[in-house]
Every structure is written in structure tokens, then in C-alpha cells.
Amino acid sequence: MQKDSGPLVPLHYYGFGYAALVATGGIIGYAKAGSVPSLAAGLFFGGLAGLGAYQLSQDPRNVWVFLATSGTLAGIMGMRFYNSGKFMPAGLIAGTSLLMVAKLGLSMLSSSHP
């Protein structure tokens, strides 16, 4: 029998991509509209997501920074999407954040059972 080596793509790879998406969104917001708050928030949350992804790469059970970051962004950007109805950028970030929360939750559930 072959030992199960885990998922095809490790969760932290998705985490690094998500962090890059968030940071890039902040940079684009600044470039298009001159929005310094978008730049600051994008780089701050992108950096936190990157830190969380790094922690996941070191220990798959260390999900808390990443979970808090993606959960916070899902809430904030979800409300912005609800109020504005605009998919870009609020809907995109809310959707990907929600997917990351779900993926982390599933990862936590599956790792708790041998």
C-alpha cells in the first residue's frame, strides 16, 4: 500500500496566491484611484495573509493568523459588496476570502481525524 501524501496542492500554496491577490488589489486601488487607504489595507492584509501562509507551510495546524485575516476580509469586503453591489474589488476579495475560510475549516476538520 502507498502512503497518502496529503492533498495534491498544499494549502499554503493557495495561501500565498491569496496573499498576492490581496496585496495586488491594494496596489491597483492606489494606481487607479489614488486611494492610499486601499494601498495600506491591501499591503497590510496581504502581508498578514502571507505570514499566515508561511506559518501554514511550517506547521499545517497553525492556521490562526491566516484564518483571522481571511475571515476579517470576508466580513469587511462582504459588507462593501453588499452595500455597493460591485463585484470589483469587494466581491472578488469577499468571495476568495470566504473560499479560504472554508478551505481552512475543511483542512482543520480533516486533520483532526486520523
C-alpha atoms as a PDB file:
ATOM      1  CA  MET A   1       0.000   0.000   0.000  1.00  0.00           C
ATOM      2  CA  GLN A   2       1.106   3.500  -0.768  1.00  0.00           C
ATOM      3  CA  LYS A   3       1.074   6.102   1.991  1.00  0.00           C
ATOM      4  CA  ASP A   4      -1.256   9.068   1.423  1.00  0.00           C
ATOM      5  CA  SER A   5       0.967  12.092   0.930  1.00  0.00           C
ATOM      6  CA  GLY A   6      -1.804  14.602   1.571  1.00  0.00           C
ATOM      7  CA  PRO A   7      -3.523  16.973  -0.813  1.00  0.00           C
ATOM      8  CA  LEU A   8      -2.313  17.417  -4.393  1.00  0.00           C
ATOM      9  CA  VAL A   9      -1.654  21.114  -3.771  1.00  0.00           C
ATOM     10  CA  PRO A  10      -0.657  22.075  -0.223  1.00  0.00           C
ATOM     11  CA  LEU A  11      -2.943  24.635   1.405  1.00  0.00           C
ATOM     12  CA  HIS A  12      -0.160  27.167   1.932  1.00  0.00           C
ATOM     13  CA  TYR A  13       0.325  27.459  -1.864  1.00  0.00           C
ATOM     14  CA  TYR A  14      -3.243  28.739  -2.095  1.00  0.00           C
ATOM     15  CA  GLY A  15      -2.453  30.984   0.856  1.00  0.00           C
ATOM     16  CA  PHE A  16       0.491  32.628  -0.878  1.00  0.00           C
ATOM     17  CA  GLY A  17      -1.616  33.184  -4.005  1.00  0.00           C
ATOM     18  CA  TYR A  18      -4.384  34.685  -1.897  1.00  0.00           C
ATOM     19  CA  ALA A  19      -1.891  36.988  -0.148  1.00  0.00           C
ATOM     20  CA  ALA A  20      -0.583  38.151  -3.527  1.00  0.00           C
ATOM     21  CA  LEU A  21      -4.151  38.785  -4.748  1.00  0.00           C
ATOM     22  CA  VAL A  22      -4.978  40.922  -1.707  1.00  0.00           C
ATOM     23  CA  ALA A  23      -1.758  42.952  -1.908  1.00  0.00           C
ATOM     24  CA  THR A  24      -2.156  43.415  -5.668  1.00  0.00           C
ATOM     25  CA  GLY A  25      -5.722  44.622  -5.141  1.00  0.00           C
ATOM     26  CA  GLY A  26      -4.461  47.333  -2.807  1.00  0.00           C
ATOM     27  CA  ILE A  27      -1.801  48.393  -5.293  1.00  0.00           C
ATOM     28  CA  ILE A  28      -4.333  48.521  -8.148  1.00  0.00           C
ATOM     29  CA  GLY A  29      -6.729  50.556  -5.984  1.00  0.00           C
ATOM     30  CA  TYR A  30      -3.967  53.054  -5.386  1.00  0.00           C
ATOM     31  CA  ALA A  31      -2.888  53.149  -9.044  1.00  0.00           C
ATOM     32  CA  LYS A  32      -6.425  53.612 -10.402  1.00  0.00           C
ATOM     33  CA  ALA A  33      -7.988  55.902  -7.827  1.00  0.00           C
ATOM     34  CA  GLY A  34      -5.043  57.243  -5.836  1.00  0.00           C
ATOM     35  CA  SER A  35      -6.541  55.593  -2.751  1.00  0.00           C
ATOM     36  CA  VAL A  36      -3.924  55.478  -0.014  1.00  0.00           C
ATOM     37  CA  PRO A  37      -6.299  53.576   2.340  1.00  0.00           C
ATOM     38  CA  SER A  38      -6.673  50.854  -0.336  1.00  0.00           C
ATOM     39  CA  LEU A  39      -2.913  50.616  -0.672  1.00  0.00           C
ATOM     40  CA  ALA A  40      -2.374  50.481   3.100  1.00  0.00           C
ATOM     41  CA  ALA A  41      -5.145  47.935   3.704  1.00  0.00           C
ATOM     42  CA  GLY A  42      -4.096  45.777   0.748  1.00  0.00           C
ATOM     43  CA  LEU A  43      -0.473  45.650   1.828  1.00  0.00           C
ATOM     44  CA  PHE A  44      -1.374  45.149   5.498  1.00  0.00           C
ATOM     45  CA  PHE A  45      -3.848  42.312   4.923  1.00  0.00           C
ATOM     46  CA  GLY A  46      -1.736  40.845   2.115  1.00  0.00           C
ATOM     47  CA  GLY A  47       1.234  40.801   4.477  1.00  0.00           C
ATOM     48  CA  LEU A  48      -0.804  39.149   7.228  1.00  0.00           C
ATOM     49  CA  ALA A  49      -2.113  36.554   4.779  1.00  0.00           C
ATOM     50  CA  GLY A  50       1.463  35.921   3.616  1.00  0.00           C
ATOM     51  CA  LEU A  51       2.574  35.469   7.221  1.00  0.00           C
ATOM     52  CA  GLY A  52      -0.327  33.079   7.817  1.00  0.00           C
ATOM     53  CA  ALA A  53       0.549  31.097   4.676  1.00  0.00           C
ATOM     54  CA  TYR A  54       4.176  30.897   5.812  1.00  0.00           C
ATOM     55  CA  GLN A  55       3.055  29.626   9.231  1.00  0.00           C
ATOM     56  CA  LEU A  56       0.911  27.008   7.479  1.00  0.00           C
ATOM     57  CA  SER A  57       3.930  25.891   5.450  1.00  0.00           C
ATOM     58  CA  GLN A  58       5.862  25.319   8.690  1.00  0.00           C
ATOM     59  CA  ASP A  59       3.039  23.656  10.637  1.00  0.00           C
ATOM     60  CA  PRO A  60      -0.278  22.788   8.941  1.00  0.00           C
ATOM     61  CA  ARG A  61      -2.077  23.092  12.295  1.00  0.00           C
ATOM     62  CA  ASN A  62      -1.009  26.739  12.765  1.00  0.00           C
ATOM     63  CA  VAL A  63      -3.989  28.293  10.958  1.00  0.00           C
ATOM     64  CA  TRP A  64      -4.999  31.099  13.303  1.00  0.00           C
ATOM     65  CA  VAL A  65      -3.345  34.150  11.716  1.00  0.00           C
ATOM     66  CA  PHE A  66      -4.465  33.068   8.261  1.00  0.00           C
ATOM     67  CA  LEU A  67      -7.978  32.237   9.438  1.00  0.00           C
ATOM     68  CA  ALA A  68      -8.363  35.569  11.260  1.00  0.00           C
ATOM     69  CA  THR A  69      -7.068  37.506   8.239  1.00  0.00           C
ATOM     70  CA  SER A  70      -9.267  35.799   5.658  1.00  0.00           C
ATOM     71  CA  GLY A  71     -12.282  35.854   7.988  1.00  0.00           C
ATOM     72  CA  THR A  72     -11.869  39.566   8.652  1.00  0.00           C
ATOM     73  CA  LEU A  73     -11.535  40.324   4.942  1.00  0.00           C
ATOM     74  CA  ALA A  74     -14.550  38.157   4.121  1.00  0.00           C
ATOM     75  CA  GLY A  75     -16.622  40.199   6.579  1.00  0.00           C
ATOM     76  CA  ILE A  76     -15.369  43.652   5.628  1.00  0.00           C
ATOM     77  CA  MET A  77     -15.379  43.132   1.871  1.00  0.00           C
ATOM     78  CA  GLY A  78     -18.619  41.170   2.055  1.00  0.00           C
ATOM     79  CA  MET A  79     -20.325  44.192   3.604  1.00  0.00           C
ATOM     80  CA  ARG A  80     -18.788  46.500   0.998  1.00  0.00           C
ATOM     81  CA  PHE A  81     -20.018  44.194  -1.770  1.00  0.00           C
ATOM     82  CA  TYR A  82     -23.487  44.015  -0.213  1.00  0.00           C
ATOM     83  CA  ASN A  83     -23.716  47.811   0.055  1.00  0.00           C
ATOM     84  CA  SER A  84     -22.223  48.674  -3.342  1.00  0.00           C
ATOM     85  CA  GLY A  85     -23.269  45.694  -5.463  1.00  0.00           C
ATOM     86  CA  LYS A  86     -19.928  45.998  -7.294  1.00  0.00           C
ATOM     87  CA  PHE A  87     -18.044  42.764  -7.874  1.00  0.00           C
ATOM     88  CA  MET A  88     -14.700  44.506  -8.338  1.00  0.00           C
ATOM     89  CA  PRO A  89     -12.902  44.626  -5.995  1.00  0.00           C
ATOM     90  CA  ALA A  90     -15.126  43.964  -2.987  1.00  0.00           C
ATOM     91  CA  GLY A  91     -16.980  40.938  -4.360  1.00  0.00           C
ATOM     92  CA  LEU A  92     -13.808  39.263  -5.614  1.00  0.00           C
ATOM     93  CA  ILE A  93     -11.946  39.653  -2.330  1.00  0.00           C
ATOM     94  CA  ALA A  94     -15.021  38.685  -0.286  1.00  0.00           C
ATOM     95  CA  GLY A  95     -15.520  35.560  -2.395  1.00  0.00           C
ATOM     96  CA  THR A  96     -11.904  34.439  -2.307  1.00  0.00           C
ATOM     97  CA  SER A  97     -11.728  35.189   1.427  1.00  0.00           C
ATOM     98  CA  LEU A  98     -14.821  33.093   2.038  1.00  0.00           C
ATOM     99  CA  LEU A  99     -13.306  30.259  -0.002  1.00  0.00           C
ATOM    100  CA  MET A 100     -10.114  30.445   2.045  1.00  0.00           C
ATOM    101  CA  VAL A 101     -12.086  30.317   5.309  1.00  0.00           C
ATOM    102  CA  ALA A 102     -13.963  27.265   4.019  1.00  0.00           C
ATOM    103  CA  LYS A 103     -10.754  25.589   2.828  1.00  0.00           C
ATOM    104  CA  LEU A 104      -9.088  26.221   6.198  1.00  0.00           C
ATOM    105  CA  GLY A 105     -12.143  24.899   8.015  1.00  0.00           C
ATOM    106  CA  LEU A 106     -12.180  21.716   5.945  1.00  0.00           C
ATOM    107  CA  SER A 107      -8.449  21.317   6.482  1.00  0.00           C
ATOM    108  CA  MET A 108      -8.897  21.664  10.239  1.00  0.00           C
ATOM    109  CA  LEU A 109     -11.718  19.125  10.288  1.00  0.00           C
ATOM    110  CA  SER A 110      -9.893  16.554   8.189  1.00  0.00           C
ATOM    111  CA  SER A 111      -6.633  16.891  10.138  1.00  0.00           C
ATOM    112  CA  SER A 112      -8.368  16.338  13.479  1.00  0.00           C
ATOM    113  CA  HIS A 113      -9.389  12.802  12.421  1.00  0.00           C
ATOM    114  CA  PRO A 114      -6.634  10.244  11.835  1.00  0.00           C
END
